Amino acid sequence: MNSPDRLLPHFTRTKSPRLQLAFVLAIAVWLAGCASVSNPNPSIRQQAEADYVVNFQSWNAISFIKPDLTGAASGVTVHPKTFTADAFVMLMNNLKRPRNFVVVIVDRSYNPDPVETKGGMDTIEKFFQQLGFQRIAFQDGSAWDSEKGYPILRDRRLD
């Protein structure tokens, strides 16, 4: 009758623990394969790419999501620090960060809807363009979906 050792490859029957370890690791890597992480949804990708991500409720309530200037990421905050448009401009003028891409999450649950009042997204886009941004994306903050994230309302590169 065959012993169980005869069924294993020759190098696993060796007395060398290093060779046995190498064999086990090689098998583990082979079984694991090349796992790939699926791309996150487009709105999350946009936020990851952006230099700034801001929440826009109204011209009197603009807050930073990225970068975390107020320390909100390190703790739970009930009310994020919001800025008026003028205070936001003053703060932006003091920041020494790139201004290539901004994602504006528009809180459309706010009354009046900022997308439809005072010139809507076109006026908001001009505001951020005047701050020096080359690409501006708008996401609908009131229509968040756990699988799809925020719907993208507009994504425009400005020249």
N, C-alpha and C. Protein backbone atom coordinates (compact mmCIF):
# COMPACT_ATOMS: atom_id res chain seq x y z
N MET A 1 0.83 -1.18 0.00
CA MET A 1 0.00 0.00 0.00
C MET A 1 0.88 1.24 0.00
N ASN A 2 0.44 2.26 -0.72
CA ASN A 2 1.22 3.50 -0.82
C ASN A 2 1.08 4.32 0.45
N SER A 3 2.20 4.88 0.90
CA SER A 3 2.13 5.78 2.05
C SER A 3 1.69 7.16 1.56
N PRO A 4 1.09 7.95 2.42
CA PRO A 4 0.64 9.28 2.01
C PRO A 4 1.77 10.15 1.48
N ASP A 5 3.03 9.91 1.95
CA ASP A 5 4.16 10.70 1.47
C ASP A 5 4.37 10.53 -0.02
N ARG A 6 4.06 9.37 -0.57
CA ARG A 6 4.28 9.12 -1.99
C ARG A 6 3.34 9.94 -2.86
N LEU A 7 2.23 10.41 -2.31
CA LEU A 7 1.27 11.19 -3.08
C LEU A 7 1.67 12.66 -3.20
N LEU A 8 2.54 13.13 -2.33
CA LEU A 8 2.97 14.52 -2.34
C LEU A 8 4.14 14.70 -3.29
N PRO A 9 4.28 15.89 -3.89
CA PRO A 9 5.46 16.14 -4.73
C PRO A 9 6.74 15.92 -3.93
N HIS A 10 7.81 15.59 -4.65
CA HIS A 10 9.09 15.24 -4.04
C HIS A 10 9.59 16.34 -3.11
N PHE A 11 9.51 17.63 -3.53
CA PHE A 11 10.11 18.69 -2.73
C PHE A 11 9.33 18.97 -1.45
N THR A 12 8.09 18.48 -1.30
CA THR A 12 7.39 18.65 -0.02
C THR A 12 7.80 17.58 0.98
N ARG A 13 8.45 16.52 0.48
CA ARG A 13 8.91 15.46 1.38
C ARG A 13 10.33 15.73 1.87
N THR A 14 10.88 16.84 1.45
CA THR A 14 12.24 17.15 1.85
C THR A 14 12.29 17.54 3.32
N LYS A 15 13.46 17.46 3.85
CA LYS A 15 13.65 17.80 5.26
C LYS A 15 13.88 19.30 5.45
N SER A 16 13.98 20.05 4.35
CA SER A 16 14.28 21.48 4.45
C SER A 16 13.01 22.29 4.72
N PRO A 17 12.91 22.90 5.89
CA PRO A 17 11.73 23.70 6.19
C PRO A 17 11.59 24.92 5.26
N ARG A 18 12.72 25.46 4.81
CA ARG A 18 12.67 26.63 3.90
C ARG A 18 12.01 26.26 2.58
N LEU A 19 12.39 25.11 2.05
CA LEU A 19 11.81 24.68 0.79
C LEU A 19 10.33 24.38 0.96
N GLN A 20 9.96 23.79 2.06
CA GLN A 20 8.55 23.52 2.31
C GLN A 20 7.76 24.84 2.43
N LEU A 21 8.33 25.81 3.14
CA LEU A 21 7.69 27.11 3.29
C LEU A 21 7.53 27.79 1.93
N ALA A 22 8.57 27.73 1.11
CA ALA A 22 8.50 28.32 -0.22
C ALA A 22 7.41 27.68 -1.05
N PHE A 23 7.28 26.36 -0.94
CA PHE A 23 6.24 25.65 -1.68
C PHE A 23 4.85 26.08 -1.21
N VAL A 24 4.66 26.17 0.09
CA VAL A 24 3.36 26.57 0.64
C VAL A 24 3.02 28.00 0.22
N LEU A 25 4.00 28.88 0.28
CA LEU A 25 3.76 30.28 -0.13
C LEU A 25 3.44 30.37 -1.63
N ALA A 26 4.13 29.58 -2.43
CA ALA A 26 3.85 29.59 -3.87
C ALA A 26 2.43 29.12 -4.16
N ILE A 27 2.01 28.08 -3.47
CA ILE A 27 0.64 27.58 -3.64
C ILE A 27 -0.37 28.63 -3.17
N ALA A 28 -0.09 29.30 -2.05
CA ALA A 28 -1.00 30.31 -1.53
C ALA A 28 -1.15 31.48 -2.51
N VAL A 29 -0.03 31.91 -3.08
CA VAL A 29 -0.08 33.00 -4.06
C VAL A 29 -0.85 32.55 -5.30
N TRP A 30 -0.61 31.34 -5.73
CA TRP A 30 -1.32 30.82 -6.91
C TRP A 30 -2.82 30.75 -6.66
N LEU A 31 -3.22 30.28 -5.47
CA LEU A 31 -4.64 30.18 -5.14
C LEU A 31 -5.29 31.55 -4.98
N ALA A 32 -4.53 32.50 -4.48
CA ALA A 32 -5.09 33.84 -4.27
C ALA A 32 -5.31 34.55 -5.59
N GLY A 33 -4.46 34.30 -6.55
CA GLY A 33 -4.61 34.95 -7.85
C GLY A 33 -4.37 36.44 -7.74
N CYS A 34 -4.78 37.12 -8.75
CA CYS A 34 -4.64 38.58 -8.78
C CYS A 34 -6.01 39.19 -8.53
N ALA A 35 -6.29 39.43 -7.29
CA ALA A 35 -7.58 40.04 -6.96
C ALA A 35 -7.54 41.50 -7.35
N SER A 36 -8.61 41.96 -7.93
CA SER A 36 -8.68 43.38 -8.29
C SER A 36 -9.86 44.00 -7.58
N VAL A 37 -9.67 45.24 -7.21
CA VAL A 37 -10.73 45.98 -6.54
C VAL A 37 -11.53 46.70 -7.62
N SER A 38 -12.83 46.56 -7.57
CA SER A 38 -13.64 47.24 -8.57
C SER A 38 -13.56 48.75 -8.36
N ASN A 39 -13.67 49.47 -9.46
CA ASN A 39 -13.62 50.92 -9.37
C ASN A 39 -14.80 51.43 -8.58
N PRO A 40 -14.57 52.40 -7.71
CA PRO A 40 -15.70 52.96 -6.99
C PRO A 40 -16.60 53.72 -7.97
N ASN A 41 -17.75 54.08 -7.49
CA ASN A 41 -18.68 54.77 -8.37
C ASN A 41 -18.11 56.12 -8.81
N PRO A 42 -18.63 56.69 -9.90
CA PRO A 42 -18.06 57.92 -10.47
C PRO A 42 -18.01 59.10 -9.50
N SER A 43 -19.02 59.25 -8.64
CA SER A 43 -18.99 60.41 -7.74
C SER A 43 -17.89 60.27 -6.69
N ILE A 44 -17.63 59.06 -6.23
CA ILE A 44 -16.55 58.86 -5.27
C ILE A 44 -15.20 59.05 -5.96
N ARG A 45 -15.08 58.59 -7.20
CA ARG A 45 -13.85 58.81 -7.97
C ARG A 45 -13.58 60.30 -8.14
N GLN A 46 -14.64 61.05 -8.48
CA GLN A 46 -14.48 62.50 -8.63
C GLN A 46 -13.97 63.12 -7.33
N GLN A 47 -14.59 62.75 -6.22
CA GLN A 47 -14.19 63.34 -4.94
C GLN A 47 -12.75 62.98 -4.58
N ALA A 48 -12.33 61.77 -4.93
CA ALA A 48 -10.95 61.37 -4.65
C ALA A 48 -9.97 62.16 -5.51
N GLU A 49 -10.33 62.45 -6.75
CA GLU A 49 -9.47 63.21 -7.67
C GLU A 49 -9.39 64.68 -7.32
N ALA A 50 -10.44 65.22 -6.75
CA ALA A 50 -10.58 66.67 -6.57
C ALA A 50 -9.59 67.23 -5.56
N ASP A 51 -9.19 68.47 -5.81
CA ASP A 51 -8.36 69.20 -4.85
C ASP A 51 -9.22 69.66 -3.67
N TYR A 52 -10.47 70.03 -3.98
CA TYR A 52 -11.42 70.48 -2.97
C TYR A 52 -12.77 69.80 -3.22
N VAL A 53 -13.46 69.49 -2.13
CA VAL A 53 -14.85 69.04 -2.19
C VAL A 53 -15.59 69.93 -1.20
N VAL A 54 -16.62 70.62 -1.69
CA VAL A 54 -17.37 71.54 -0.83
C VAL A 54 -18.84 71.20 -0.86
N ASN A 55 -19.51 71.49 0.25
CA ASN A 55 -20.96 71.35 0.33
C ASN A 55 -21.54 72.75 0.18
N PHE A 56 -22.46 72.89 -0.75
CA PHE A 56 -23.06 74.20 -1.03
C PHE A 56 -24.55 74.12 -0.74
N GLN A 57 -24.95 74.80 0.37
CA GLN A 57 -26.37 74.88 0.70
C GLN A 57 -26.97 76.17 0.15
N SER A 58 -26.23 77.24 0.35
CA SER A 58 -26.66 78.56 -0.12
C SER A 58 -25.42 79.44 -0.14
N TRP A 59 -25.59 80.66 -0.58
CA TRP A 59 -24.46 81.60 -0.60
C TRP A 59 -24.03 81.97 0.82
N ASN A 60 -24.84 81.64 1.81
CA ASN A 60 -24.50 81.91 3.21
C ASN A 60 -24.10 80.65 3.96
N ALA A 61 -24.02 79.53 3.27
CA ALA A 61 -23.68 78.27 3.93
C ALA A 61 -22.90 77.36 2.98
N ILE A 62 -21.58 77.60 2.93
CA ILE A 62 -20.66 76.79 2.12
C ILE A 62 -19.68 76.16 3.11
N SER A 63 -19.49 74.84 3.02
CA SER A 63 -18.59 74.18 3.95
C SER A 63 -17.61 73.28 3.19
N PHE A 64 -16.45 73.07 3.81
CA PHE A 64 -15.42 72.20 3.24
C PHE A 64 -15.65 70.76 3.67
N ILE A 65 -15.54 69.85 2.72
CA ILE A 65 -15.50 68.42 3.03
C ILE A 65 -14.06 67.95 2.86
N LYS A 66 -13.41 68.41 1.79
CA LYS A 66 -12.01 68.09 1.52
C LYS A 66 -11.35 69.35 1.02
N PRO A 67 -10.27 69.78 1.57
CA PRO A 67 -9.55 69.22 2.71
C PRO A 67 -10.30 69.50 4.01
N ASP A 68 -9.96 68.74 5.03
CA ASP A 68 -10.60 68.91 6.32
C ASP A 68 -9.89 70.06 7.05
N LEU A 69 -10.41 71.25 6.88
CA LEU A 69 -9.78 72.44 7.48
C LEU A 69 -10.22 72.68 8.91
N THR A 70 -11.35 72.12 9.29
CA THR A 70 -11.90 72.41 10.62
C THR A 70 -11.72 71.26 11.59
N GLY A 71 -11.08 70.18 11.18
CA GLY A 71 -10.85 69.04 12.06
C GLY A 71 -12.06 68.14 12.21
N ALA A 72 -13.03 68.26 11.31
CA ALA A 72 -14.26 67.47 11.43
C ALA A 72 -14.00 65.98 11.21
N ALA A 73 -13.00 65.61 10.43
CA ALA A 73 -12.75 64.20 10.14
C ALA A 73 -12.21 63.47 11.37
N SER A 74 -11.60 64.20 12.29
CA SER A 74 -11.02 63.55 13.45
C SER A 74 -12.04 63.35 14.58
N GLY A 75 -13.22 63.88 14.41
CA GLY A 75 -14.24 63.72 15.44
C GLY A 75 -15.63 63.89 14.85
N VAL A 76 -16.60 63.57 15.63
CA VAL A 76 -17.97 63.69 15.18
C VAL A 76 -18.43 65.13 15.39
N THR A 77 -18.96 65.73 14.33
CA THR A 77 -19.48 67.08 14.45
C THR A 77 -20.96 67.07 14.13
N VAL A 78 -21.71 67.81 14.90
CA VAL A 78 -23.14 67.90 14.67
C VAL A 78 -23.41 68.89 13.54
N HIS A 79 -22.73 70.02 13.59
CA HIS A 79 -22.90 71.05 12.58
C HIS A 79 -21.53 71.39 11.99
N PRO A 80 -21.33 71.15 10.70
CA PRO A 80 -20.04 71.53 10.11
C PRO A 80 -19.89 73.04 10.06
N LYS A 81 -18.68 73.51 10.09
CA LYS A 81 -18.40 74.94 10.02
C LYS A 81 -18.73 75.43 8.62
N THR A 82 -19.64 76.37 8.55
CA THR A 82 -20.04 76.92 7.25
C THR A 82 -19.55 78.35 7.12
N PHE A 83 -19.42 78.77 5.87
CA PHE A 83 -18.91 80.10 5.56
C PHE A 83 -19.86 80.79 4.59
N THR A 84 -19.93 82.11 4.69
CA THR A 84 -20.62 82.87 3.66
C THR A 84 -19.72 82.88 2.43
N ALA A 85 -20.24 83.32 1.31
CA ALA A 85 -19.43 83.36 0.09
C ALA A 85 -18.20 84.26 0.28
N ASP A 86 -18.38 85.42 0.93
CA ASP A 86 -17.25 86.33 1.15
C ASP A 86 -16.20 85.71 2.06
N ALA A 87 -16.62 85.06 3.14
CA ALA A 87 -15.68 84.41 4.05
C ALA A 87 -14.98 83.24 3.36
N PHE A 88 -15.72 82.53 2.52
CA PHE A 88 -15.14 81.42 1.77
C PHE A 88 -14.03 81.92 0.85
N VAL A 89 -14.26 83.05 0.16
CA VAL A 89 -13.25 83.63 -0.73
C VAL A 89 -12.02 84.03 0.07
N MET A 90 -12.23 84.66 1.23
CA MET A 90 -11.08 85.08 2.06
C MET A 90 -10.27 83.86 2.50
N LEU A 91 -10.95 82.81 2.91
CA LEU A 91 -10.26 81.60 3.34
C LEU A 91 -9.51 80.97 2.17
N MET A 92 -10.15 80.88 1.01
CA MET A 92 -9.50 80.31 -0.17
C MET A 92 -8.25 81.10 -0.55
N ASN A 93 -8.30 82.42 -0.41
CA ASN A 93 -7.15 83.26 -0.76
C ASN A 93 -5.97 83.02 0.17
N ASN A 94 -6.22 82.49 1.35
CA ASN A 94 -5.14 82.20 2.30
C ASN A 94 -4.61 80.78 2.19
N LEU A 95 -5.31 79.93 1.46
CA LEU A 95 -4.86 78.54 1.31
C LEU A 95 -3.86 78.42 0.16
N LYS A 96 -2.82 77.69 0.39
CA LYS A 96 -1.78 77.50 -0.63
C LYS A 96 -1.85 76.08 -1.17
N ARG A 97 -3.00 75.73 -1.72
CA ARG A 97 -3.21 74.40 -2.30
C ARG A 97 -3.55 74.56 -3.77
N PRO A 98 -3.33 73.51 -4.56
CA PRO A 98 -3.71 73.59 -5.98
C PRO A 98 -5.21 73.83 -6.12
N ARG A 99 -5.57 74.48 -7.20
CA ARG A 99 -6.99 74.77 -7.48
C ARG A 99 -7.35 74.30 -8.88
N ASN A 100 -7.07 73.05 -9.16
CA ASN A 100 -7.39 72.52 -10.47
C ASN A 100 -8.84 72.03 -10.55
N PHE A 101 -9.26 71.25 -9.56
CA PHE A 101 -10.55 70.56 -9.65
C PHE A 101 -11.30 70.69 -8.34
N VAL A 102 -12.56 71.13 -8.43
CA VAL A 102 -13.44 71.21 -7.26
C VAL A 102 -14.72 70.44 -7.53
N VAL A 103 -15.17 69.69 -6.53
CA VAL A 103 -16.47 69.03 -6.59
C VAL A 103 -17.38 69.81 -5.65
N VAL A 104 -18.50 70.27 -6.19
CA VAL A 104 -19.47 71.02 -5.42
C VAL A 104 -20.68 70.11 -5.20
N ILE A 105 -20.90 69.72 -3.95
CA ILE A 105 -22.07 68.91 -3.62
C ILE A 105 -23.18 69.89 -3.25
N VAL A 106 -24.16 69.98 -4.12
CA VAL A 106 -25.23 70.95 -3.96
C VAL A 106 -26.34 70.32 -3.11
N ASP A 107 -26.63 70.96 -1.99
CA ASP A 107 -27.68 70.47 -1.11
C ASP A 107 -29.02 71.00 -1.62
N ARG A 108 -29.66 70.20 -2.44
CA ARG A 108 -30.90 70.64 -3.07
C ARG A 108 -32.10 70.53 -2.14
N SER A 109 -31.90 69.98 -0.95
CA SER A 109 -33.00 69.93 0.01
C SER A 109 -33.17 71.27 0.72
N TYR A 110 -32.16 72.14 0.56
CA TYR A 110 -32.21 73.47 1.15
C TYR A 110 -33.24 74.32 0.40
N ASN A 111 -33.98 75.15 1.11
CA ASN A 111 -34.99 75.99 0.48
C ASN A 111 -34.57 77.44 0.59
N PRO A 112 -34.35 78.15 -0.49
CA PRO A 112 -34.60 77.80 -1.88
C PRO A 112 -33.48 76.93 -2.46
N ASP A 113 -33.83 76.12 -3.44
CA ASP A 113 -32.90 75.20 -4.10
C ASP A 113 -31.80 76.03 -4.78
N PRO A 114 -30.53 75.86 -4.37
CA PRO A 114 -29.45 76.67 -4.95
C PRO A 114 -29.23 76.43 -6.44
N VAL A 115 -29.71 75.31 -6.96
CA VAL A 115 -29.55 75.03 -8.39
C VAL A 115 -30.50 75.88 -9.22
N GLU A 116 -31.58 76.31 -8.60
CA GLU A 116 -32.61 77.04 -9.35
C GLU A 116 -32.71 78.52 -9.01
N THR A 117 -32.03 79.00 -7.97
CA THR A 117 -32.15 80.40 -7.59
C THR A 117 -30.86 81.16 -7.85
N LYS A 118 -31.00 82.45 -8.04
CA LYS A 118 -29.87 83.38 -8.23
C LYS A 118 -28.91 82.91 -9.30
N GLY A 119 -29.42 82.46 -10.42
CA GLY A 119 -28.57 82.02 -11.52
C GLY A 119 -28.18 80.57 -11.47
N GLY A 120 -28.50 79.87 -10.39
CA GLY A 120 -28.28 78.44 -10.28
C GLY A 120 -26.83 78.00 -10.45
N MET A 121 -26.67 76.84 -11.08
CA MET A 121 -25.34 76.24 -11.23
C MET A 121 -24.41 77.11 -12.06
N ASP A 122 -24.94 77.87 -13.01
CA ASP A 122 -24.07 78.72 -13.82
C ASP A 122 -23.39 79.78 -12.96
N THR A 123 -24.13 80.37 -12.02
CA THR A 123 -23.56 81.38 -11.14
C THR A 123 -22.57 80.76 -10.17
N ILE A 124 -22.91 79.59 -9.64
CA ILE A 124 -21.99 78.88 -8.73
C ILE A 124 -20.71 78.51 -9.48
N GLU A 125 -20.86 78.06 -10.71
CA GLU A 125 -19.70 77.69 -11.52
C GLU A 125 -18.81 78.91 -11.76
N LYS A 126 -19.38 80.06 -12.07
CA LYS A 126 -18.58 81.28 -12.26
C LYS A 126 -17.85 81.67 -10.99
N PHE A 127 -18.51 81.49 -9.85
CA PHE A 127 -17.90 81.78 -8.55
C PHE A 127 -16.62 80.97 -8.37
N PHE A 128 -16.69 79.67 -8.63
CA PHE A 128 -15.51 78.81 -8.46
C PHE A 128 -14.49 79.04 -9.57
N GLN A 129 -14.94 79.39 -10.74
CA GLN A 129 -14.01 79.72 -11.82
C GLN A 129 -13.20 80.96 -11.45
N GLN A 130 -13.84 81.95 -10.85
CA GLN A 130 -13.14 83.17 -10.43
C GLN A 130 -12.13 82.88 -9.32
N LEU A 131 -12.34 81.78 -8.59
CA LEU A 131 -11.37 81.38 -7.57
C LEU A 131 -10.18 80.63 -8.18
N GLY A 132 -10.22 80.37 -9.49
CA GLY A 132 -9.09 79.77 -10.17
C GLY A 132 -9.22 78.30 -10.51
N PHE A 133 -10.39 77.71 -10.34
CA PHE A 133 -10.56 76.30 -10.65
C PHE A 133 -10.72 76.09 -12.15
N GLN A 134 -10.08 75.03 -12.67
CA GLN A 134 -10.11 74.70 -14.09
C GLN A 134 -11.17 73.66 -14.42
N ARG A 135 -11.58 72.91 -13.42
CA ARG A 135 -12.61 71.88 -13.61
C ARG A 135 -13.56 71.95 -12.43
N ILE A 136 -14.86 71.96 -12.73
CA ILE A 136 -15.88 72.08 -11.69
C ILE A 136 -16.94 71.02 -11.94
N ALA A 137 -17.18 70.19 -10.94
CA ALA A 137 -18.21 69.15 -11.03
C ALA A 137 -19.27 69.42 -9.97
N PHE A 138 -20.51 69.19 -10.34
CA PHE A 138 -21.63 69.35 -9.42
C PHE A 138 -22.24 67.98 -9.15
N GLN A 139 -22.51 67.71 -7.88
CA GLN A 139 -23.17 66.48 -7.48
C GLN A 139 -24.40 66.85 -6.65
N ASP A 140 -25.45 66.06 -6.80
CA ASP A 140 -26.71 66.32 -6.10
C ASP A 140 -26.67 65.69 -4.71
N GLY A 141 -26.50 66.53 -3.70
CA GLY A 141 -26.37 66.04 -2.33
C GLY A 141 -27.63 65.49 -1.72
N SER A 142 -28.77 65.81 -2.30
CA SER A 142 -30.03 65.34 -1.72
C SER A 142 -30.48 64.01 -2.31
N ALA A 143 -29.75 63.49 -3.29
CA ALA A 143 -30.17 62.25 -3.96
C ALA A 143 -29.12 61.15 -3.81
N TRP A 144 -28.47 61.07 -2.65
CA TRP A 144 -27.42 60.09 -2.43
C TRP A 144 -27.99 58.67 -2.46
N ASP A 145 -27.23 57.77 -3.08
CA ASP A 145 -27.60 56.36 -3.17
C ASP A 145 -26.41 55.54 -2.68
N SER A 146 -26.67 54.52 -1.86
CA SER A 146 -25.57 53.76 -1.27
C SER A 146 -24.72 53.03 -2.30
N GLU A 147 -25.28 52.68 -3.45
CA GLU A 147 -24.50 51.99 -4.48
C GLU A 147 -23.92 52.96 -5.51
N LYS A 148 -24.67 53.98 -5.85
CA LYS A 148 -24.25 54.89 -6.92
C LYS A 148 -23.64 56.18 -6.41
N GLY A 149 -23.74 56.47 -5.12
CA GLY A 149 -23.21 57.71 -4.59
C GLY A 149 -24.11 58.88 -4.95
N TYR A 150 -23.51 60.05 -5.12
CA TYR A 150 -24.26 61.24 -5.49
C TYR A 150 -24.40 61.29 -7.01
N PRO A 151 -25.59 61.61 -7.51
CA PRO A 151 -25.73 61.79 -8.96
C PRO A 151 -24.89 63.00 -9.42
N ILE A 152 -24.22 62.84 -10.53
CA ILE A 152 -23.42 63.93 -11.09
C ILE A 152 -24.32 64.78 -11.97
N LEU A 153 -24.45 66.05 -11.60
CA LEU A 153 -25.30 66.97 -12.34
C LEU A 153 -24.56 67.59 -13.52
N ARG A 154 -23.29 67.88 -13.31
CA ARG A 154 -22.47 68.52 -14.35
C ARG A 154 -21.01 68.32 -14.02
N ASP A 155 -20.20 68.16 -15.04
CA ASP A 155 -18.75 68.06 -14.89
C ASP A 155 -18.14 68.79 -16.07
N ARG A 156 -17.53 69.92 -15.80
CA ARG A 156 -17.07 70.76 -16.90
C ARG A 156 -15.63 71.21 -16.67
N ARG A 157 -14.84 71.08 -17.74
CA ARG A 157 -13.48 71.64 -17.76
C ARG A 157 -13.57 73.01 -18.39
N LEU A 158 -12.95 73.97 -17.74
CA LEU A 158 -13.02 75.35 -18.21
C LEU A 158 -11.66 75.74 -18.82
N ASP A 159 -11.73 76.48 -19.87
CA ASP A 159 -10.49 76.93 -20.53
C ASP A 159 -10.23 78.39 -20.30
